[in-house]
Amino acid sequence: MKMEPAPAVPVYGIVADKDVDVPMRDGARLKADVFRPDTAGRFPAIMNLGPYQKDKLWIPPDTLEEKPSPLMNWETVNPQWWVPRGYAAVRVDGRAASNSPGRRNPCPPAPSNVPGWSQGPHRPTS
């Protein structure tokens, strides 16, 4: 039986764009941190939108199975695992969280347009 070698998986460096404006339909601008591969191109994005302050220091517990890194945050994906594998990691502060202005509303009347923004012309490019 002939075995073919596994295809090489590209490994990318990480570019971090901090406090990127995410325009909402009502004129508000949420703040996002975008961690992306260090090369030009389009990459699938894993997005977190929440009230937990994307910039707040999180000290992982000693029992964490994953090796801690300075880019880790509470209940968000770890950019140091995903970005080198060809994904972008996007963390968005919801309204009134950390650097995003506004009043917090846990049950907004309309869906967020953040996912659409990540695919549009306002997304960070290299």
Protein backbone atom coordinates (compact mmCIF):
# COMPACT_ATOMS: atom_id res chain seq x y z
CA MET A 1 0.00 0.00 0.00
CA LYS A 2 1.44 3.32 -1.08
CA MET A 3 1.07 6.15 1.46
CA GLU A 4 0.92 9.72 0.25
CA PRO A 5 2.48 12.35 2.51
CA ALA A 6 0.04 14.72 4.16
CA PRO A 7 -0.16 18.08 2.41
CA ALA A 8 1.86 20.82 4.09
CA VAL A 9 -0.25 23.11 6.22
CA PRO A 10 0.82 26.74 5.92
CA VAL A 11 1.75 28.42 9.16
CA TYR A 12 1.09 32.14 9.36
CA GLY A 13 2.27 34.85 11.71
CA ILE A 14 -0.27 37.03 13.52
CA VAL A 15 -1.21 40.64 12.77
CA ALA A 16 -3.36 42.34 15.43
CA ASP A 17 -5.57 45.30 14.52
CA LYS A 18 -6.86 46.83 17.76
CA ASP A 19 -10.06 48.86 18.28
CA VAL A 20 -11.23 48.66 14.66
CA ASP A 21 -14.54 50.53 14.14
CA VAL A 22 -17.51 48.30 13.31
CA PRO A 23 -20.34 50.54 12.03
CA MET A 24 -23.88 49.60 13.04
CA ARG A 25 -27.02 50.49 11.08
CA ASP A 26 -28.04 53.10 13.67
CA GLY A 27 -24.71 54.95 13.38
CA ALA A 28 -23.08 53.47 16.49
CA ARG A 29 -19.54 52.15 16.14
CA LEU A 30 -18.53 49.08 18.11
CA LYS A 31 -14.85 48.34 18.71
CA ALA A 32 -13.23 45.12 17.54
CA ASP A 33 -9.81 43.50 17.77
CA VAL A 34 -8.96 41.56 14.62
CA PHE A 35 -6.22 38.92 14.70
CA ARG A 36 -5.37 37.76 11.19
CA PRO A 37 -2.70 35.95 9.18
CA ASP A 38 0.28 38.06 8.17
CA THR A 39 -0.31 37.69 4.45
CA ALA A 40 -2.77 39.10 1.92
CA GLY A 41 -5.89 37.11 1.20
CA ARG A 42 -9.33 36.21 2.47
CA PHE A 43 -9.60 33.94 5.49
CA PRO A 44 -12.55 32.47 7.36
CA ALA A 45 -13.28 34.41 10.55
CA ILE A 46 -14.27 33.14 13.98
CA MET A 47 -16.11 35.93 15.74
CA ASN A 48 -16.93 36.66 19.38
CA LEU A 49 -19.35 39.47 20.26
CA GLY A 50 -19.93 39.98 23.94
CA PRO A 51 -20.04 42.08 27.08
CA TYR A 52 -16.85 40.76 28.70
CA GLN A 53 -14.37 43.48 27.64
CA LYS A 54 -12.14 42.15 24.88
CA ASP A 55 -9.09 43.88 26.41
CA LYS A 56 -9.52 42.73 30.00
CA LEU A 57 -6.59 40.73 31.34
CA TRP A 58 -7.52 37.10 31.93
CA ILE A 59 -5.37 34.91 34.11
CA PRO A 60 -6.00 31.30 33.07
CA PRO A 61 -6.40 28.67 35.79
CA ASP A 62 -3.55 26.25 36.46
CA THR A 63 -5.80 23.39 35.35
CA LEU A 64 -6.22 24.72 31.80
CA GLU A 65 -5.33 21.96 29.33
CA GLU A 66 -4.19 24.47 26.72
CA LYS A 67 -0.92 26.35 27.12
CA PRO A 68 -1.75 29.95 28.19
CA SER A 69 -0.77 32.81 25.89
CA PRO A 70 -0.97 36.61 26.15
CA LEU A 71 -3.62 36.72 23.40
CA MET A 72 -6.06 34.48 25.29
CA ASN A 73 -9.18 36.04 26.75
CA TRP A 74 -12.22 34.91 28.72
CA GLU A 75 -14.63 32.79 26.65
CA THR A 76 -13.10 33.66 23.28
CA VAL A 77 -11.12 31.72 20.72
CA ASN A 78 -7.34 31.66 21.11
CA PRO A 79 -5.76 33.55 18.18
CA GLN A 80 -2.43 31.81 18.76
CA TRP A 81 -4.05 28.51 17.84
CA TRP A 82 -6.39 29.58 15.02
CA VAL A 83 -4.53 32.34 13.13
CA PRO A 84 -1.40 30.31 12.28
CA ARG A 85 -3.79 27.74 10.74
CA GLY A 86 -5.34 30.27 8.34
CA TYR A 87 -8.26 31.75 10.28
CA ALA A 88 -8.97 35.27 11.50
CA ALA A 89 -10.16 35.76 15.08
CA VAL A 90 -12.42 38.78 15.66
CA ARG A 91 -13.38 40.01 19.15
CA VAL A 92 -16.07 42.66 19.31
CA ASP A 93 -17.10 44.58 22.43
CA GLY A 94 -20.88 44.83 22.51
CA ARG A 95 -22.55 48.15 23.20
CA ALA A 96 -21.29 49.79 26.40
CA ALA A 97 -18.58 47.14 26.89
CA SER A 98 -15.01 48.38 27.29
CA ASN A 99 -14.22 50.69 24.33
CA SER A 100 -17.59 50.41 22.55
CA PRO A 101 -19.91 53.32 23.28
CA GLY A 102 -23.63 53.12 23.92
CA ARG A 103 -26.10 51.58 26.32
CA ARG A 104 -26.15 47.86 26.94
CA ASN A 105 -29.23 46.00 25.73
CA PRO A 106 -29.08 42.23 26.32
CA CYS A 107 -32.04 41.69 23.94
CA PRO A 108 -31.54 43.99 20.94
CA PRO A 109 -34.57 44.45 18.68
CA ALA A 110 -32.73 43.61 15.44
CA PRO A 111 -29.89 41.22 14.62
CA SER A 112 -26.38 42.61 14.70
CA ASN A 113 -24.70 43.45 11.42
CA VAL A 114 -21.23 42.54 12.72
CA PRO A 115 -20.97 39.26 10.74
CA GLY A 116 -21.73 41.11 7.51
CA TRP A 117 -19.13 43.77 8.32
CA SER A 118 -16.41 41.15 8.64
CA GLN A 119 -16.93 40.18 4.98
CA GLY A 120 -17.38 43.70 3.59
CA PRO A 121 -15.11 46.51 2.48
CA HIS A 122 -14.55 47.78 6.05
CA ARG A 123 -12.63 44.68 7.13
CA PRO A 124 -8.91 45.18 7.80
CA THR A 125 -6.64 44.30 4.93
CA SER A 126 -2.91 43.81 4.76
